Amino acid sequence: MRVLPTAIPDVLILRPAVHADARGWFFEGYNRRAFAAAAGIDPDFVQDNHSRSSRGTLRGLHYQLARPQGKLVRVTEGEIYDVAVDIRRGSPTFGRWTGHHLRAEEHELTWIPPGFAHGFLVLSDFAEVSYKVTDYYDAASERSVLWNDPTLAIDWPMTVPLLLSDKDRAASPFAAAEVYA
């Protein structure tokens, strides 16, 4: 497994070894020992999530205040633009974001540690996104930062009208968002 840096050192792109031949391909989507050896971290995953969304769907920027989740994100079909925003007030990268194209055929994963807001935009006709999380879903502590907040100035690669949930339309501007101490 290769670890690729991003603009925020705590967010990592992981490129697993893919074994291909005439039959197709195989790779380990997650191997705790390999992940710890390559990335230097050993998260305890407690839940797997899977979504399917159509082109132009923007989900995020979501986080849980009381039960922050680390996420290991992978696209199993299609392509997304995956974004992480550092909302850890004491962090040297507080208020900064990093984005990366994730495509199913490249088999890359993004590691987003606890303390980040996360979102993605679907760029293909549809995309299926699978991600492991380090804490359970907690509706009471779920929060959202406005996807197009001018302070963050995220450069989303939009090519079609967006599909947003009512919750994401009503998200907090970054300046008013509850963040981690």
N, C-alpha and C. Protein backbone atom coordinates (compact mmCIF):
# COMPACT_ATOMS: atom_id res chain seq x y z
N MET A 1 0.85 -1.17 0.00
CA MET A 1 0.00 0.00 0.00
C MET A 1 0.90 1.23 0.00
N ARG A 2 0.55 2.17 -0.87
CA ARG A 2 1.26 3.45 -0.91
C ARG A 2 0.40 4.51 -0.24
N VAL A 3 1.04 5.39 0.49
CA VAL A 3 0.36 6.50 1.14
C VAL A 3 0.75 7.77 0.42
N LEU A 4 -0.26 8.52 -0.06
CA LEU A 4 -0.02 9.76 -0.78
C LEU A 4 -0.46 10.93 0.08
N PRO A 5 0.38 11.95 0.19
CA PRO A 5 0.01 13.10 1.03
C PRO A 5 -1.05 13.97 0.35
N THR A 6 -1.72 14.76 1.18
CA THR A 6 -2.65 15.77 0.67
C THR A 6 -2.21 17.13 1.21
N ALA A 7 -2.97 18.16 0.90
CA ALA A 7 -2.66 19.50 1.38
C ALA A 7 -2.77 19.61 2.90
N ILE A 8 -3.49 18.68 3.52
CA ILE A 8 -3.60 18.62 4.99
C ILE A 8 -2.94 17.31 5.42
N PRO A 9 -1.83 17.38 6.17
CA PRO A 9 -1.07 16.16 6.48
C PRO A 9 -1.86 15.03 7.14
N ASP A 10 -2.90 15.33 7.90
CA ASP A 10 -3.65 14.28 8.58
C ASP A 10 -4.61 13.52 7.65
N VAL A 11 -4.94 14.10 6.51
CA VAL A 11 -5.80 13.44 5.52
C VAL A 11 -4.89 12.74 4.52
N LEU A 12 -5.15 11.46 4.29
CA LEU A 12 -4.26 10.65 3.45
C LEU A 12 -5.03 10.00 2.31
N ILE A 13 -4.34 9.84 1.19
CA ILE A 13 -4.84 9.03 0.08
C ILE A 13 -4.06 7.72 0.13
N LEU A 14 -4.78 6.62 0.11
CA LEU A 14 -4.17 5.30 0.19
C LEU A 14 -4.37 4.58 -1.14
N ARG A 15 -3.28 4.05 -1.66
CA ARG A 15 -3.33 3.32 -2.92
C ARG A 15 -2.92 1.88 -2.66
N PRO A 16 -3.89 0.97 -2.57
CA PRO A 16 -3.55 -0.43 -2.28
C PRO A 16 -2.91 -1.12 -3.49
N ALA A 17 -2.21 -2.20 -3.21
CA ALA A 17 -1.66 -3.02 -4.28
C ALA A 17 -2.81 -3.77 -4.94
N VAL A 18 -2.93 -3.63 -6.26
CA VAL A 18 -3.98 -4.30 -7.01
C VAL A 18 -3.33 -5.40 -7.84
N HIS A 19 -3.85 -6.60 -7.70
CA HIS A 19 -3.33 -7.77 -8.42
C HIS A 19 -4.29 -8.08 -9.56
N ALA A 20 -3.82 -7.88 -10.79
CA ALA A 20 -4.68 -8.07 -11.97
C ALA A 20 -4.10 -9.13 -12.89
N ASP A 21 -4.99 -9.85 -13.53
CA ASP A 21 -4.61 -10.80 -14.57
C ASP A 21 -5.80 -10.95 -15.52
N ALA A 22 -5.77 -11.96 -16.37
CA ALA A 22 -6.82 -12.14 -17.38
C ALA A 22 -8.20 -12.33 -16.76
N ARG A 23 -8.28 -12.77 -15.52
CA ARG A 23 -9.56 -13.01 -14.86
C ARG A 23 -10.20 -11.73 -14.33
N GLY A 24 -9.37 -10.70 -14.09
CA GLY A 24 -9.85 -9.47 -13.47
C GLY A 24 -8.83 -8.96 -12.48
N TRP A 25 -9.28 -8.50 -11.33
CA TRP A 25 -8.36 -7.95 -10.33
C TRP A 25 -8.81 -8.32 -8.91
N PHE A 26 -7.88 -8.13 -7.98
CA PHE A 26 -8.12 -8.35 -6.55
C PHE A 26 -7.29 -7.34 -5.77
N PHE A 27 -7.87 -6.80 -4.71
CA PHE A 27 -7.09 -6.01 -3.77
C PHE A 27 -7.75 -6.06 -2.41
N GLU A 28 -6.98 -5.78 -1.38
CA GLU A 28 -7.50 -5.71 -0.02
C GLU A 28 -7.99 -4.28 0.21
N GLY A 29 -9.30 -4.11 0.36
CA GLY A 29 -9.86 -2.79 0.61
C GLY A 29 -9.48 -2.26 1.97
N TYR A 30 -9.25 -3.16 2.91
CA TYR A 30 -8.77 -2.77 4.23
C TYR A 30 -8.08 -3.95 4.86
N ASN A 31 -6.88 -3.70 5.37
CA ASN A 31 -6.11 -4.67 6.13
C ASN A 31 -5.50 -3.89 7.29
N ARG A 32 -5.95 -4.18 8.49
CA ARG A 32 -5.55 -3.38 9.66
C ARG A 32 -4.03 -3.29 9.81
N ARG A 33 -3.33 -4.40 9.67
CA ARG A 33 -1.87 -4.37 9.82
C ARG A 33 -1.21 -3.56 8.72
N ALA A 34 -1.64 -3.74 7.48
CA ALA A 34 -1.04 -3.00 6.37
C ALA A 34 -1.32 -1.51 6.49
N PHE A 35 -2.53 -1.17 6.91
CA PHE A 35 -2.90 0.24 7.09
C PHE A 35 -2.04 0.88 8.18
N ALA A 36 -1.88 0.18 9.30
CA ALA A 36 -1.06 0.71 10.40
C ALA A 36 0.40 0.85 9.97
N ALA A 37 0.91 -0.14 9.25
CA ALA A 37 2.31 -0.09 8.82
C ALA A 37 2.55 1.02 7.81
N ALA A 38 1.64 1.18 6.87
CA ALA A 38 1.82 2.16 5.80
C ALA A 38 1.49 3.58 6.24
N ALA A 39 0.38 3.74 6.97
CA ALA A 39 -0.11 5.08 7.30
C ALA A 39 0.25 5.51 8.73
N GLY A 40 0.69 4.56 9.56
CA GLY A 40 1.08 4.90 10.92
C GLY A 40 -0.09 5.13 11.86
N ILE A 41 -1.27 4.70 11.49
CA ILE A 41 -2.45 4.84 12.35
C ILE A 41 -3.21 3.52 12.37
N ASP A 42 -3.95 3.32 13.46
CA ASP A 42 -4.65 2.06 13.65
C ASP A 42 -6.07 2.34 14.16
N PRO A 43 -6.97 2.79 13.28
CA PRO A 43 -8.33 3.12 13.73
C PRO A 43 -9.13 1.87 14.09
N ASP A 44 -10.09 2.06 14.96
CA ASP A 44 -11.00 0.99 15.35
C ASP A 44 -12.34 1.26 14.66
N PHE A 45 -12.57 0.61 13.54
CA PHE A 45 -13.81 0.83 12.80
C PHE A 45 -14.96 0.07 13.44
N VAL A 46 -16.14 0.73 13.52
CA VAL A 46 -17.30 0.14 14.17
C VAL A 46 -18.52 0.02 13.26
N GLN A 47 -18.46 0.64 12.09
CA GLN A 47 -19.65 0.66 11.22
C GLN A 47 -19.20 0.86 9.78
N ASP A 48 -19.89 0.20 8.86
CA ASP A 48 -19.69 0.42 7.42
C ASP A 48 -20.93 1.09 6.86
N ASN A 49 -20.73 2.10 6.02
CA ASN A 49 -21.84 2.80 5.36
C ASN A 49 -21.66 2.69 3.85
N HIS A 50 -22.76 2.72 3.14
CA HIS A 50 -22.72 2.60 1.67
C HIS A 50 -23.83 3.47 1.10
N SER A 51 -23.50 4.32 0.13
CA SER A 51 -24.53 5.15 -0.50
C SER A 51 -24.42 5.03 -2.02
N ARG A 52 -25.53 5.28 -2.67
CA ARG A 52 -25.57 5.37 -4.13
C ARG A 52 -26.25 6.69 -4.44
N SER A 53 -25.62 7.47 -5.30
CA SER A 53 -26.12 8.80 -5.63
C SER A 53 -25.95 9.07 -7.12
N SER A 54 -26.82 9.91 -7.66
CA SER A 54 -26.76 10.24 -9.08
C SER A 54 -25.89 11.48 -9.32
N ARG A 55 -25.53 11.68 -10.58
CA ARG A 55 -24.67 12.80 -10.99
C ARG A 55 -25.21 14.11 -10.42
N GLY A 56 -24.28 14.91 -9.90
CA GLY A 56 -24.64 16.22 -9.38
C GLY A 56 -25.06 16.21 -7.91
N THR A 57 -25.17 15.03 -7.30
CA THR A 57 -25.51 14.97 -5.88
C THR A 57 -24.31 15.44 -5.08
N LEU A 58 -24.56 16.39 -4.19
CA LEU A 58 -23.53 16.84 -3.27
C LEU A 58 -24.01 16.50 -1.86
N ARG A 59 -23.24 15.67 -1.17
CA ARG A 59 -23.55 15.27 0.20
C ARG A 59 -22.51 15.90 1.11
N GLY A 60 -22.96 16.72 2.04
CA GLY A 60 -22.02 17.30 3.00
C GLY A 60 -22.16 18.80 3.08
N LEU A 61 -21.38 19.30 3.89
CA LEU A 61 -20.22 18.83 4.62
C LEU A 61 -20.67 18.41 6.02
N HIS A 62 -20.57 17.13 6.33
CA HIS A 62 -21.14 16.56 7.55
C HIS A 62 -20.07 16.20 8.58
N TYR A 63 -20.47 16.25 9.84
CA TYR A 63 -19.63 15.77 10.94
C TYR A 63 -20.53 15.55 12.16
N GLN A 64 -19.98 14.88 13.16
CA GLN A 64 -20.68 14.66 14.43
C GLN A 64 -19.87 15.34 15.52
N LEU A 65 -20.50 16.24 16.24
CA LEU A 65 -19.79 17.01 17.25
C LEU A 65 -19.42 16.17 18.47
N ALA A 66 -20.38 15.42 19.03
CA ALA A 66 -20.13 14.67 20.25
C ALA A 66 -19.41 13.35 20.00
N ARG A 67 -19.60 12.77 18.84
CA ARG A 67 -18.99 11.47 18.53
C ARG A 67 -18.28 11.57 17.18
N PRO A 68 -17.15 12.28 17.14
CA PRO A 68 -16.46 12.47 15.85
C PRO A 68 -16.07 11.13 15.21
N GLN A 69 -16.22 11.09 13.91
CA GLN A 69 -15.94 9.86 13.16
C GLN A 69 -14.72 10.04 12.27
N GLY A 70 -13.78 9.12 12.37
CA GLY A 70 -12.78 8.97 11.33
C GLY A 70 -13.42 8.17 10.22
N LYS A 71 -13.05 8.46 8.97
CA LYS A 71 -13.68 7.77 7.84
C LYS A 71 -12.62 7.27 6.86
N LEU A 72 -12.82 6.05 6.39
CA LEU A 72 -12.02 5.48 5.33
C LEU A 72 -12.96 5.33 4.14
N VAL A 73 -12.79 6.19 3.13
CA VAL A 73 -13.76 6.35 2.04
C VAL A 73 -13.23 5.68 0.77
N ARG A 74 -14.13 4.95 0.11
CA ARG A 74 -13.77 4.29 -1.16
C ARG A 74 -14.97 4.35 -2.10
N VAL A 75 -14.71 4.54 -3.37
CA VAL A 75 -15.75 4.52 -4.39
C VAL A 75 -15.75 3.14 -5.03
N THR A 76 -16.91 2.46 -5.01
CA THR A 76 -17.00 1.13 -5.60
C THR A 76 -17.55 1.16 -7.03
N GLU A 77 -18.24 2.22 -7.39
CA GLU A 77 -18.72 2.45 -8.76
C GLU A 77 -18.71 3.95 -9.02
N GLY A 78 -18.20 4.36 -10.17
CA GLY A 78 -18.26 5.76 -10.56
C GLY A 78 -17.11 6.62 -10.06
N GLU A 79 -17.39 7.93 -9.93
CA GLU A 79 -16.37 8.91 -9.55
C GLU A 79 -17.00 10.00 -8.70
N ILE A 80 -16.25 10.41 -7.68
CA ILE A 80 -16.66 11.54 -6.84
C ILE A 80 -15.49 12.50 -6.67
N TYR A 81 -15.83 13.70 -6.22
CA TYR A 81 -14.82 14.63 -5.71
C TYR A 81 -15.03 14.64 -4.21
N ASP A 82 -14.04 14.16 -3.47
CA ASP A 82 -14.14 13.94 -2.03
C ASP A 82 -13.43 15.08 -1.30
N VAL A 83 -14.10 15.68 -0.31
CA VAL A 83 -13.57 16.87 0.37
C VAL A 83 -13.58 16.66 1.88
N ALA A 84 -12.49 17.09 2.52
CA ALA A 84 -12.38 17.11 3.97
C ALA A 84 -12.00 18.52 4.41
N VAL A 85 -12.69 19.01 5.44
CA VAL A 85 -12.43 20.35 5.98
C VAL A 85 -12.00 20.20 7.44
N ASP A 86 -10.86 20.75 7.79
CA ASP A 86 -10.36 20.68 9.16
C ASP A 86 -11.15 21.64 10.04
N ILE A 87 -11.88 21.10 11.01
CA ILE A 87 -12.67 21.93 11.92
C ILE A 87 -12.20 21.74 13.36
N ARG A 88 -10.91 21.46 13.52
CA ARG A 88 -10.29 21.35 14.84
C ARG A 88 -9.65 22.70 15.16
N ARG A 89 -10.30 23.46 16.03
CA ARG A 89 -9.89 24.84 16.30
C ARG A 89 -8.40 25.00 16.59
N GLY A 90 -7.77 24.11 17.30
CA GLY A 90 -6.36 24.25 17.64
C GLY A 90 -5.39 23.77 16.57
N SER A 91 -5.91 23.27 15.48
CA SER A 91 -5.06 22.71 14.42
C SER A 91 -4.42 23.79 13.57
N PRO A 92 -3.18 23.58 13.13
CA PRO A 92 -2.55 24.56 12.22
C PRO A 92 -3.24 24.63 10.85
N THR A 93 -4.08 23.64 10.53
CA THR A 93 -4.80 23.67 9.25
C THR A 93 -6.29 23.93 9.45
N PHE A 94 -6.66 24.48 10.62
CA PHE A 94 -8.06 24.80 10.91
C PHE A 94 -8.64 25.69 9.80
N GLY A 95 -9.82 25.28 9.31
CA GLY A 95 -10.50 26.06 8.27
C GLY A 95 -10.00 25.80 6.87
N ARG A 96 -9.03 24.92 6.70
CA ARG A 96 -8.53 24.58 5.37
C ARG A 96 -9.21 23.30 4.89
N TRP A 97 -9.25 23.13 3.59
CA TRP A 97 -9.85 21.95 3.00
C TRP A 97 -8.88 21.29 2.03
N THR A 98 -9.14 20.03 1.76
CA THR A 98 -8.42 19.31 0.73
C THR A 98 -9.44 18.48 -0.04
N GLY A 99 -9.25 18.36 -1.34
CA GLY A 99 -10.15 17.59 -2.18
C GLY A 99 -9.38 16.67 -3.11
N HIS A 100 -10.02 15.58 -3.47
CA HIS A 100 -9.37 14.57 -4.30
C HIS A 100 -10.42 13.82 -5.10
N HIS A 101 -10.14 13.55 -6.36
CA HIS A 101 -11.01 12.72 -7.18
C HIS A 101 -10.81 11.26 -6.76
N LEU A 102 -11.89 10.58 -6.45
CA LEU A 102 -11.85 9.15 -6.19
C LEU A 102 -12.64 8.46 -7.28
N ARG A 103 -11.99 7.52 -7.96
CA ARG A 103 -12.61 6.77 -9.05
C ARG A 103 -12.54 5.28 -8.74
N ALA A 104 -13.63 4.60 -8.99
CA ALA A 104 -13.68 3.17 -8.68
C ALA A 104 -12.54 2.41 -9.35
N GLU A 105 -12.24 2.73 -10.58
CA GLU A 105 -11.23 1.96 -11.31
C GLU A 105 -9.81 2.19 -10.79
N GLU A 106 -9.60 3.21 -9.97
CA GLU A 106 -8.26 3.46 -9.42
C GLU A 106 -8.08 2.83 -8.04
N HIS A 107 -9.17 2.43 -7.40
CA HIS A 107 -9.14 1.70 -6.12
C HIS A 107 -8.55 2.49 -4.96
N GLU A 108 -8.39 3.79 -5.08
CA GLU A 108 -7.84 4.58 -3.99
C GLU A 108 -8.86 4.77 -2.87
N LEU A 109 -8.34 5.04 -1.69
CA LEU A 109 -9.16 5.32 -0.51
C LEU A 109 -8.69 6.64 0.09
N THR A 110 -9.59 7.33 0.78
CA THR A 110 -9.20 8.52 1.52
C THR A 110 -9.40 8.24 3.00
N TRP A 111 -8.38 8.55 3.79
CA TRP A 111 -8.49 8.49 5.25
C TRP A 111 -8.74 9.90 5.75
N ILE A 112 -9.87 10.11 6.40
CA ILE A 112 -10.24 11.39 6.99
C ILE A 112 -10.36 11.16 8.49
N PRO A 113 -9.44 11.71 9.28
CA PRO A 113 -9.48 11.44 10.72
C PRO A 113 -10.62 12.17 11.42
N PRO A 114 -10.94 11.78 12.65
CA PRO A 114 -11.94 12.53 13.42
C PRO A 114 -11.52 14.00 13.52
N GLY A 115 -12.52 14.89 13.53
CA GLY A 115 -12.24 16.32 13.62
C GLY A 115 -12.38 17.05 12.30
N PHE A 116 -12.88 16.36 11.29
CA PHE A 116 -13.05 16.95 9.97
C PHE A 116 -14.51 16.88 9.55
N ALA A 117 -14.95 17.89 8.81
CA ALA A 117 -16.23 17.81 8.10
C ALA A 117 -15.93 17.14 6.77
N HIS A 118 -16.88 16.35 6.27
CA HIS A 118 -16.66 15.58 5.05
C HIS A 118 -17.83 15.74 4.10
N GLY A 119 -17.53 15.79 2.82
CA GLY A 119 -18.57 15.82 1.80
C GLY A 119 -18.02 15.33 0.47
N PHE A 120 -18.94 15.04 -0.44
CA PHE A 120 -18.50 14.65 -1.78
C PHE A 120 -19.54 15.04 -2.81
N LEU A 121 -19.05 15.21 -4.04
CA LEU A 121 -19.86 15.54 -5.20
C LEU A 121 -19.73 14.42 -6.21
N VAL A 122 -20.87 13.91 -6.71
CA VAL A 122 -20.86 12.82 -7.69
C VAL A 122 -20.63 13.39 -9.08
N LEU A 123 -19.58 12.90 -9.76
CA LEU A 123 -19.20 13.39 -11.08
C LEU A 123 -19.60 12.45 -12.21
N SER A 124 -19.83 11.19 -11.92
CA SER A 124 -20.24 10.21 -12.93
C SER A 124 -21.76 10.11 -12.96
N ASP A 125 -22.32 9.32 -13.87
CA ASP A 125 -23.78 9.17 -13.95
C ASP A 125 -24.36 8.78 -12.60
N PHE A 126 -23.66 7.94 -11.88
CA PHE A 126 -23.99 7.60 -10.49
C PHE A 126 -22.69 7.17 -9.83
N ALA A 127 -22.70 7.14 -8.53
CA ALA A 127 -21.54 6.65 -7.78
C ALA A 127 -22.02 5.91 -6.55
N GLU A 128 -21.31 4.85 -6.23
CA GLU A 128 -21.52 4.15 -4.98
C GLU A 128 -20.29 4.40 -4.12
N VAL A 129 -20.54 4.86 -2.90
CA VAL A 129 -19.48 5.22 -1.97
C VAL A 129 -19.63 4.34 -0.74
N SER A 130 -18.54 3.71 -0.36
CA SER A 130 -18.52 2.86 0.82
C SER A 130 -17.49 3.44 1.78
N TYR A 131 -17.87 3.54 3.04
CA TYR A 131 -16.89 4.05 3.99
C TYR A 131 -17.06 3.44 5.37
N LYS A 132 -15.91 3.18 5.97
CA LYS A 132 -15.84 2.67 7.33
C LYS A 132 -15.73 3.88 8.25
N VAL A 133 -16.35 3.80 9.44
CA VAL A 133 -16.28 4.89 10.41
C VAL A 133 -15.83 4.38 11.77
N THR A 134 -15.24 5.27 12.55
CA THR A 134 -14.66 4.91 13.84
C THR A 134 -15.61 5.14 15.02
N ASP A 135 -16.78 5.69 14.77
CA ASP A 135 -17.78 5.82 15.83
C ASP A 135 -19.16 5.66 15.20
N TYR A 136 -20.13 5.34 16.04
CA TYR A 136 -21.48 5.09 15.56
C TYR A 136 -22.19 6.39 15.19
N TYR A 137 -23.17 6.28 14.32
CA TYR A 137 -23.99 7.43 13.93
C TYR A 137 -24.73 7.95 15.16
N ASP A 138 -24.71 9.27 15.33
CA ASP A 138 -25.37 9.92 16.46
C ASP A 138 -26.14 11.13 15.92
N ALA A 139 -27.41 10.95 15.64
CA ALA A 139 -28.23 12.01 15.04
C ALA A 139 -28.22 13.29 15.87
N ALA A 140 -28.18 13.16 17.19
CA ALA A 140 -28.24 14.34 18.05
C ALA A 140 -26.99 15.22 17.92
N SER A 141 -25.87 14.64 17.55
CA SER A 141 -24.65 15.45 17.44
C SER A 141 -24.25 15.72 15.98
N GLU A 142 -25.09 15.32 15.04
CA GLU A 142 -24.78 15.56 13.63
C GLU A 142 -24.88 17.04 13.31
N ARG A 143 -23.90 17.55 12.58
CA ARG A 143 -23.86 18.95 12.18
C ARG A 143 -23.45 19.00 10.70
N SER A 144 -23.70 20.17 10.08
CA SER A 144 -23.31 20.38 8.69
C SER A 144 -22.78 21.79 8.52
N VAL A 145 -21.74 21.90 7.70
CA VAL A 145 -21.20 23.19 7.28
C VAL A 145 -21.65 23.41 5.85
N LEU A 146 -22.02 24.62 5.54
CA LEU A 146 -22.51 24.97 4.21
C LEU A 146 -21.46 24.64 3.14
N TRP A 147 -21.87 23.86 2.16
CA TRP A 147 -20.95 23.35 1.13
C TRP A 147 -20.29 24.46 0.33
N ASN A 148 -20.98 25.59 0.16
CA ASN A 148 -20.44 26.68 -0.67
C ASN A 148 -20.07 27.90 0.15
N ASP A 149 -19.70 27.71 1.40
CA ASP A 149 -19.31 28.81 2.27
C ASP A 149 -18.15 29.59 1.64
N PRO A 150 -18.31 30.91 1.48
CA PRO A 150 -17.25 31.69 0.83
C PRO A 150 -15.95 31.74 1.62
N THR A 151 -16.01 31.57 2.93
CA THR A 151 -14.79 31.55 3.74
C THR A 151 -13.93 30.35 3.39
N LEU A 152 -14.58 29.20 3.19
CA LEU A 152 -13.85 27.99 2.83
C LEU A 152 -13.42 28.01 1.36
N ALA A 153 -14.25 28.54 0.49
CA ALA A 153 -13.95 28.66 -0.94
C ALA A 153 -13.53 27.32 -1.56
N ILE A 154 -14.32 26.29 -1.30
CA ILE A 154 -14.02 24.97 -1.87
C ILE A 154 -14.26 25.03 -3.38
N ASP A 155 -13.30 24.53 -4.12
CA ASP A 155 -13.36 24.55 -5.59
C ASP A 155 -14.00 23.25 -6.08
N TRP A 156 -15.34 23.16 -5.90
CA TRP A 156 -16.06 21.97 -6.35
C TRP A 156 -16.06 21.94 -7.88
N PRO A 157 -15.78 20.81 -8.52
CA PRO A 157 -15.79 20.71 -9.98
C PRO A 157 -17.21 20.48 -10.52
N MET A 158 -18.03 21.51 -10.44
CA MET A 158 -19.44 21.35 -10.83
C MET A 158 -19.61 21.47 -12.34
N THR A 159 -20.35 20.51 -12.89
CA THR A 159 -20.63 20.52 -14.32
C THR A 159 -22.12 20.45 -14.63
N VAL A 160 -22.91 20.15 -13.63
CA VAL A 160 -24.37 20.04 -13.79
C VAL A 160 -25.03 20.68 -12.58
N PRO A 161 -26.33 20.97 -12.65
CA PRO A 161 -27.01 21.50 -11.46
C PRO A 161 -26.89 20.52 -10.29
N LEU A 162 -26.77 21.08 -9.09
CA LEU A 162 -26.59 20.25 -7.91
C LEU A 162 -27.90 19.69 -7.38
N LEU A 163 -27.80 18.51 -6.80
CA LEU A 163 -28.88 17.89 -6.06
C LEU A 163 -28.46 17.90 -4.60
N LEU A 164 -29.20 18.65 -3.78
CA LEU A 164 -28.88 18.81 -2.37
C LEU A 164 -30.06 18.41 -1.50
N SER A 165 -29.79 17.89 -0.33
CA SER A 165 -30.85 17.64 0.63
C SER A 165 -31.24 18.97 1.28
N ASP A 166 -32.43 19.01 1.87
CA ASP A 166 -32.85 20.21 2.60
C ASP A 166 -31.88 20.50 3.73
N LYS A 167 -31.40 19.46 4.39
CA LYS A 167 -30.45 19.62 5.49
C LYS A 167 -29.16 20.31 5.01
N ASP A 168 -28.67 19.90 3.84
CA ASP A 168 -27.43 20.50 3.33
C ASP A 168 -27.65 21.93 2.84
N ARG A 169 -28.81 22.23 2.33
CA ARG A 169 -29.13 23.62 1.94
C ARG A 169 -29.15 24.54 3.16
N ALA A 170 -29.60 24.01 4.30
CA ALA A 170 -29.76 24.81 5.52
C ALA A 170 -28.54 24.72 6.45
N ALA A 171 -27.43 24.19 5.99
CA ALA A 171 -26.25 24.02 6.84
C ALA A 171 -25.71 25.36 7.33
N SER A 172 -24.94 25.30 8.39
CA SER A 172 -24.36 26.51 9.00
C SER A 172 -23.21 27.05 8.18
N PRO A 173 -23.10 28.37 8.09
CA PRO A 173 -21.87 28.94 7.53
C PRO A 173 -20.70 28.55 8.44
N PHE A 174 -19.52 28.50 7.89
CA PHE A 174 -18.37 28.06 8.67
C PHE A 174 -18.15 28.93 9.90
N ALA A 175 -18.32 30.24 9.79
CA ALA A 175 -18.09 31.14 10.93
C ALA A 175 -19.04 30.86 12.09
N ALA A 176 -20.21 30.32 11.82
CA ALA A 176 -21.21 30.04 12.87
C ALA A 176 -21.24 28.57 13.29
N ALA A 177 -20.45 27.73 12.63
CA ALA A 177 -20.49 26.30 12.90
C ALA A 177 -19.86 25.96 14.25
N GLU A 178 -20.44 24.98 14.91
CA GLU A 178 -19.83 24.43 16.11
C GLU A 178 -18.66 23.57 15.66
N VAL A 179 -17.50 23.82 16.22
CA VAL A 179 -16.30 23.09 15.82
C VAL A 179 -15.68 22.42 17.03
N TYR A 180 -14.65 21.62 16.79
CA TYR A 180 -13.96 20.91 17.87
C TYR A 180 -12.98 21.84 18.55
N ALA A 181 -12.89 21.76 19.86
CA ALA A 181 -11.97 22.62 20.63
C ALA A 181 -10.53 22.25 20.40
